[in-house]
Amino acid sequence: MSYLRISEAAALLGVSDDTVRRWIEQGKLTAIQLENGRKWLSGRELAEFLRTRADAPEPGVTVAASARNRMRGIVTRVVKDRVMAQVEMQAGPFRLVSLLSAESVEELGLEVGSVAVASVKSTHVVVEIPES
């Protein structure tokens, strides 16, 4: 199982370290103390926390944006059969879904709670600016 430092979890969630610590104090997340004395979070629990909090952004909230091509996040779901797999990630407020071979998922060792980077390459990218 993968474990994340509070600062890593905060970066993946798009919040401050103090926010993650408050969530731990409020019982929204559970921290464990490893041998080195530092508090860590279970990648699996963090993925579930992200999945339950994931909402589509409100229309009109963004003034202007263009997504970066590489987004670091945490795997929140893996569904696979013998040939293909669907991997869902949460990168800050963004939910990403990728379809790839089951063999690739095995080779990469992807599982719920894994930290991964989604690279997006497209010949057609739409950039939008919503109405005020």
C-alpha atoms as a PDB file:
ATOM      1  CA  MET A   1       0.000   0.000   0.000  1.00  0.00           C
ATOM      2  CA  SER A   2       1.273   3.499  -0.745  1.00  0.00           C
ATOM      3  CA  TYR A   3       1.551   6.203   1.894  1.00  0.00           C
ATOM      4  CA  LEU A   4       1.813   9.946   1.362  1.00  0.00           C
ATOM      5  CA  ARG A   5       3.282  12.722   3.476  1.00  0.00           C
ATOM      6  CA  ILE A   6       0.829  15.442   4.482  1.00  0.00           C
ATOM      7  CA  SER A   7       2.531  17.870   2.080  1.00  0.00           C
ATOM      8  CA  GLU A   8       2.162  15.398  -0.816  1.00  0.00           C
ATOM      9  CA  ALA A   9      -1.522  14.861  -0.020  1.00  0.00           C
ATOM     10  CA  ALA A  10      -2.077  18.624   0.170  1.00  0.00           C
ATOM     11  CA  ALA A  11      -0.465  19.153  -3.250  1.00  0.00           C
ATOM     12  CA  LEU A  12      -2.629  16.427  -4.796  1.00  0.00           C
ATOM     13  CA  LEU A  13      -5.766  17.891  -3.216  1.00  0.00           C
ATOM     14  CA  GLY A  14      -4.895  21.454  -4.187  1.00  0.00           C
ATOM     15  CA  VAL A  15      -5.054  22.666  -0.558  1.00  0.00           C
ATOM     16  CA  SER A  16      -2.573  23.725   2.115  1.00  0.00           C
ATOM     17  CA  ASP A  17      -0.798  21.387   4.532  1.00  0.00           C
ATOM     18  CA  ASP A  18      -2.774  23.058   7.343  1.00  0.00           C
ATOM     19  CA  THR A  19      -6.076  22.173   5.654  1.00  0.00           C
ATOM     20  CA  VAL A  20      -5.063  18.500   5.526  1.00  0.00           C
ATOM     21  CA  ARG A  21      -4.047  18.657   9.206  1.00  0.00           C
ATOM     22  CA  ARG A  22      -7.459  20.178  10.072  1.00  0.00           C
ATOM     23  CA  TRP A  23      -9.208  17.390   8.162  1.00  0.00           C
ATOM     24  CA  ILE A  24      -7.185  14.870  10.180  1.00  0.00           C
ATOM     25  CA  GLU A  25      -8.167  16.632  13.455  1.00  0.00           C
ATOM     26  CA  GLN A  26     -11.828  16.679  12.328  1.00  0.00           C
ATOM     27  CA  GLY A  27     -11.716  12.945  11.545  1.00  0.00           C
ATOM     28  CA  LYS A  28     -12.275  13.426   7.801  1.00  0.00           C
ATOM     29  CA  LEU A  29      -8.899  11.757   7.116  1.00  0.00           C
ATOM     30  CA  THR A  30      -6.895   9.303   9.180  1.00  0.00           C
ATOM     31  CA  ALA A  31      -3.167   9.763   9.657  1.00  0.00           C
ATOM     32  CA  ILE A  32      -0.824   7.039  10.770  1.00  0.00           C
ATOM     33  CA  GLN A  33       2.537   7.493  12.401  1.00  0.00           C
ATOM     34  CA  LEU A  34       5.350   5.510  10.805  1.00  0.00           C
ATOM     35  CA  GLU A  35       8.662   4.524  12.369  1.00  0.00           C
ATOM     36  CA  ASN A  36      10.242   7.898  11.565  1.00  0.00           C
ATOM     37  CA  GLY A  37       7.638   9.671  13.735  1.00  0.00           C
ATOM     38  CA  ARG A  38       6.014  11.594  10.883  1.00  0.00           C
ATOM     39  CA  LYS A  39       2.340  11.405  10.057  1.00  0.00           C
ATOM     40  CA  TRP A  40       1.402   9.797   6.766  1.00  0.00           C
ATOM     41  CA  LEU A  41      -1.845   9.166   4.928  1.00  0.00           C
ATOM     42  CA  SER A  42      -2.930   5.997   3.183  1.00  0.00           C
ATOM     43  CA  GLY A  43      -3.060   6.502  -0.580  1.00  0.00           C
ATOM     44  CA  ARG A  44      -6.118   4.258  -0.730  1.00  0.00           C
ATOM     45  CA  GLU A  45      -8.005   6.292   1.902  1.00  0.00           C
ATOM     46  CA  LEU A  46      -7.009   9.556   0.212  1.00  0.00           C
ATOM     47  CA  ALA A  47      -8.286   8.245  -3.126  1.00  0.00           C
ATOM     48  CA  GLU A  48     -11.646   7.376  -1.550  1.00  0.00           C
ATOM     49  CA  PHE A  49     -11.791  10.801   0.116  1.00  0.00           C
ATOM     50  CA  LEU A  50     -11.168  12.454  -3.263  1.00  0.00           C
ATOM     51  CA  ARG A  51     -13.757  10.327  -5.011  1.00  0.00           C
ATOM     52  CA  THR A  52     -16.477  11.239  -2.504  1.00  0.00           C
ATOM     53  CA  ARG A  53     -15.637  14.946  -2.756  1.00  0.00           C
ATOM     54  CA  ALA A  54     -15.210  15.141  -6.537  1.00  0.00           C
ATOM     55  CA  ASP A  55     -17.661  17.499  -8.147  1.00  0.00           C
ATOM     56  CA  ALA A  56     -17.746  18.999 -11.594  1.00  0.00           C
ATOM     57  CA  PRO A  57     -16.662  22.653 -11.470  1.00  0.00           C
ATOM     58  CA  GLU A  58     -19.491  25.150 -11.547  1.00  0.00           C
ATOM     59  CA  PRO A  59     -20.018  26.694 -15.000  1.00  0.00           C
ATOM     60  CA  GLY A  60     -18.771  30.262 -15.110  1.00  0.00           C
ATOM     61  CA  VAL A  61     -16.389  29.920 -12.142  1.00  0.00           C
ATOM     62  CA  THR A  62     -13.298  29.944 -14.361  1.00  0.00           C
ATOM     63  CA  VAL A  63     -12.392  33.316 -15.854  1.00  0.00           C
ATOM     64  CA  ALA A  64      -9.747  31.970 -18.226  1.00  0.00           C
ATOM     65  CA  ALA A  65      -7.795  28.718 -18.294  1.00  0.00           C
ATOM     66  CA  SER A  66      -5.848  26.294 -20.415  1.00  0.00           C
ATOM     67  CA  ALA A  67      -4.977  22.951 -18.818  1.00  0.00           C
ATOM     68  CA  ARG A  68      -1.351  21.882 -18.688  1.00  0.00           C
ATOM     69  CA  ASN A  69      -0.350  18.782 -20.575  1.00  0.00           C
ATOM     70  CA  ARG A  70       1.014  16.904 -17.528  1.00  0.00           C
ATOM     71  CA  MET A  71      -1.037  16.573 -14.376  1.00  0.00           C
ATOM     72  CA  ARG A  72       0.144  14.805 -11.222  1.00  0.00           C
ATOM     73  CA  GLY A  73      -2.617  13.106  -9.294  1.00  0.00           C
ATOM     74  CA  ILE A  74      -3.793  10.056  -7.447  1.00  0.00           C
ATOM     75  CA  VAL A  75      -5.541   7.002  -8.879  1.00  0.00           C
ATOM     76  CA  THR A  76      -9.092   6.813  -7.496  1.00  0.00           C
ATOM     77  CA  ARG A  77     -10.476   3.846  -9.448  1.00  0.00           C
ATOM     78  CA  VAL A  78      -9.243   0.970 -11.629  1.00  0.00           C
ATOM     79  CA  VAL A  79     -11.661  -1.232 -13.576  1.00  0.00           C
ATOM     80  CA  LYS A  80     -10.157  -3.891 -15.811  1.00  0.00           C
ATOM     81  CA  ASP A  81     -11.025  -7.031 -17.654  1.00  0.00           C
ATOM     82  CA  ARG A  82      -8.708  -9.427 -19.487  1.00  0.00           C
ATOM     83  CA  VAL A  83      -7.796  -6.952 -22.251  1.00  0.00           C
ATOM     84  CA  MET A  84      -8.677  -3.348 -21.352  1.00  0.00           C
ATOM     85  CA  ALA A  85      -8.776  -1.131 -18.274  1.00  0.00           C
ATOM     86  CA  GLN A  86     -10.299   2.150 -17.184  1.00  0.00           C
ATOM     87  CA  VAL A  87      -8.206   4.232 -14.803  1.00  0.00           C
ATOM     88  CA  GLU A  88      -9.627   7.277 -13.029  1.00  0.00           C
ATOM     89  CA  MET A  89      -7.406   9.903 -11.442  1.00  0.00           C
ATOM     90  CA  GLN A  90      -7.984  13.035  -9.432  1.00  0.00           C
ATOM     91  CA  ALA A  91      -5.454  15.806 -10.103  1.00  0.00           C
ATOM     92  CA  GLY A  92      -6.413  18.688  -7.837  1.00  0.00           C
ATOM     93  CA  PRO A  93      -9.994  19.567  -8.780  1.00  0.00           C
ATOM     94  CA  PHE A  94      -9.773  17.680 -12.087  1.00  0.00           C
ATOM     95  CA  ARG A  95     -11.074  14.151 -12.662  1.00  0.00           C
ATOM     96  CA  LEU A  96      -9.277  12.344 -15.489  1.00  0.00           C
ATOM     97  CA  VAL A  97     -10.334   9.054 -17.063  1.00  0.00           C
ATOM     98  CA  SER A  98      -8.035   6.986 -19.271  1.00  0.00           C
ATOM     99  CA  LEU A  99      -8.655   3.807 -21.225  1.00  0.00           C
ATOM    100  CA  LEU A 100      -5.579   1.635 -21.618  1.00  0.00           C
ATOM    101  CA  SER A 101      -4.612  -1.988 -21.897  1.00  0.00           C
ATOM    102  CA  ALA A 102      -4.886  -4.199 -18.831  1.00  0.00           C
ATOM    103  CA  GLU A 103      -1.273  -5.178 -19.501  1.00  0.00           C
ATOM    104  CA  SER A 104      -0.188  -1.525 -19.158  1.00  0.00           C
ATOM    105  CA  VAL A 105      -1.998  -1.219 -15.836  1.00  0.00           C
ATOM    106  CA  GLU A 106      -0.175  -4.313 -14.564  1.00  0.00           C
ATOM    107  CA  GLU A 107       3.229  -3.141 -15.853  1.00  0.00           C
ATOM    108  CA  LEU A 108       2.788   0.299 -14.260  1.00  0.00           C
ATOM    109  CA  GLY A 109       1.495  -1.214 -11.015  1.00  0.00           C
ATOM    110  CA  LEU A 110      -1.502   1.122 -11.027  1.00  0.00           C
ATOM    111  CA  GLU A 111      -3.916   0.649  -8.154  1.00  0.00           C
ATOM    112  CA  VAL A 112      -6.200   2.851  -6.102  1.00  0.00           C
ATOM    113  CA  GLY A 113      -3.979   5.192  -4.115  1.00  0.00           C
ATOM    114  CA  SER A 114      -1.059   5.187  -6.586  1.00  0.00           C
ATOM    115  CA  VAL A 115       0.430   8.566  -7.440  1.00  0.00           C
ATOM    116  CA  ALA A 116       0.688   8.976 -11.214  1.00  0.00           C
ATOM    117  CA  VAL A 117       1.108  11.624 -13.909  1.00  0.00           C
ATOM    118  CA  ALA A 118      -1.481  11.983 -16.669  1.00  0.00           C
ATOM    119  CA  SER A 119      -0.002  13.248 -19.928  1.00  0.00           C
ATOM    120  CA  VAL A 120      -2.494  14.658 -22.393  1.00  0.00           C
ATOM    121  CA  LYS A 121      -1.659  14.862 -26.080  1.00  0.00           C
ATOM    122  CA  SER A 122      -4.301  15.830 -28.550  1.00  0.00           C
ATOM    123  CA  THR A 123      -4.553  17.302 -32.004  1.00  0.00           C
ATOM    124  CA  HIS A 124      -7.831  18.914 -30.945  1.00  0.00           C
ATOM    125  CA  VAL A 125      -7.909  20.875 -27.677  1.00  0.00           C
ATOM    126  CA  VAL A 126     -10.745  23.277 -26.897  1.00  0.00           C
ATOM    127  CA  VAL A 127      -9.929  26.346 -24.782  1.00  0.00           C
ATOM    128  CA  GLU A 128     -12.988  28.118 -23.391  1.00  0.00           C
ATOM    129  CA  ILE A 129     -13.678  31.346 -21.525  1.00  0.00           C
ATOM    130  CA  PRO A 130     -17.155  31.251 -19.947  1.00  0.00           C
ATOM    131  CA  GLU A 131     -19.503  34.239 -19.943  1.00  0.00           C
ATOM    132  CA  SER A 132     -19.348  36.542 -16.945  1.00  0.00           C
END
